[in-house]
Each structure stands twice: as C-alpha cells, then as structure tokens.
Protein backbone atom coordinates (compact mmCIF):
# COMPACT_ATOMS: atom_id res chain seq x y z
CA MET A 1 10.00 -11.38 24.03
CA LYS A 2 10.61 -11.75 20.28
CA GLN A 3 9.04 -8.31 19.66
CA LEU A 4 11.26 -6.68 22.33
CA ILE A 5 14.47 -8.05 20.79
CA GLN A 6 13.24 -7.06 17.30
CA ASN A 7 12.56 -3.48 18.49
CA LEU A 8 15.90 -3.30 20.25
CA ILE A 9 17.76 -4.33 17.16
CA TRP A 10 15.84 -1.86 15.03
CA PHE A 11 16.58 0.91 17.52
CA ILE A 12 20.32 0.12 17.57
CA VAL A 13 20.48 -0.10 13.78
CA LEU A 14 18.86 3.36 13.42
CA ILE A 15 21.11 5.03 15.98
CA THR A 16 24.19 3.47 14.37
CA PHE A 17 22.99 4.65 10.93
CA GLN A 18 22.42 8.13 12.29
CA VAL A 19 25.89 8.33 13.98
CA LEU A 20 27.94 6.77 11.12
CA PHE A 21 26.29 8.05 7.96
CA LEU A 22 23.72 10.84 8.46
CA ASP A 23 25.79 12.89 10.82
CA ASN A 24 27.96 13.94 7.90
CA ILE A 25 25.10 14.95 5.57
CA HIS A 26 24.16 18.67 5.71
CA PHE A 27 21.69 20.20 3.38
CA LEU A 28 22.66 23.78 2.47
CA ASP A 29 24.67 23.94 5.78
CA VAL A 30 21.39 24.57 7.62
CA PHE A 31 19.87 21.27 8.62
CA PHE A 32 20.59 17.54 8.61
CA PRO A 33 18.35 14.43 8.77
CA LEU A 34 17.38 13.07 12.13
CA VAL A 35 16.40 9.40 11.59
CA TYR A 36 16.69 8.41 15.27
CA ILE A 37 13.46 10.27 16.00
CA TYR A 38 11.65 7.62 14.01
CA ALA A 39 12.99 5.06 16.41
CA ILE A 40 11.41 6.84 19.37
CA LEU A 41 8.11 7.28 17.54
CA ARG A 42 8.12 3.50 16.71
CA LEU A 43 8.12 2.66 20.49
CA PRO A 44 4.93 0.78 21.63
CA SER A 45 2.10 3.09 22.37
CA ASN A 46 1.16 1.29 25.63
CA MET A 47 4.63 2.10 27.15
CA SER A 48 4.71 4.39 30.18
CA PRO A 49 5.44 8.05 29.30
CA SER A 50 8.16 8.21 31.87
CA ILE A 51 9.93 5.29 30.28
CA VAL A 52 9.66 6.82 26.87
CA LEU A 53 11.13 10.05 28.25
CA ILE A 54 14.07 8.14 29.76
CA ILE A 55 14.75 6.25 26.55
CA SER A 56 14.49 9.49 24.51
CA PHE A 57 17.01 11.25 26.87
CA ILE A 58 19.53 8.36 26.66
CA THR A 59 19.12 8.22 22.82
CA GLY A 60 19.69 11.91 22.61
CA MET A 61 22.71 11.89 24.84
CA THR A 62 24.19 8.88 22.86
CA ILE A 63 23.66 10.82 19.55
CA ASP A 64 25.25 13.94 21.04
CA ILE A 65 28.25 12.08 22.47
CA PHE A 66 29.05 10.28 19.12
CA SER A 67 28.45 13.38 17.11
CA ASN A 68 30.67 15.54 19.25
CA THR A 69 27.95 18.07 20.00
CA PRO A 70 27.72 19.22 23.59
C-alpha cells in the first residue's frame, strides 16, 4: 500500500510539473520536453498491459486538457 501511494504522488508531481512549467519551454520552436512519459515508464512491470494503456490514455488527455491542445 505504501508503494502505491508513493507511486501515485510521484505521478501527480510529474504531471503537475509538466503542465505548470515544462509546457512553456520550447526549444527552437520545434520541440518541448515531455517528462510525463517517464511517469508512465516508471509504472510497475507486473501491471496488466490494458491497465497501463488506460492510465496512459488518461494521462495524455489530462496533459492535453491543461495544455489547451486538442
């Protein structure tokens, strides 16, 4: 249970950092850093692939909603 809460907090911190700070950084107006992908890669390896896909979809939608990118 402790590991789950720790992973959840880490996930929320990375998404918040992405939305508030890294969304405004553009290198040469071509690309920008995507740190939230690290949160998805950090998920436990024994997790079901369908659960990982659902978490990734919800994370991507959250980033898109807060970044105003349809």
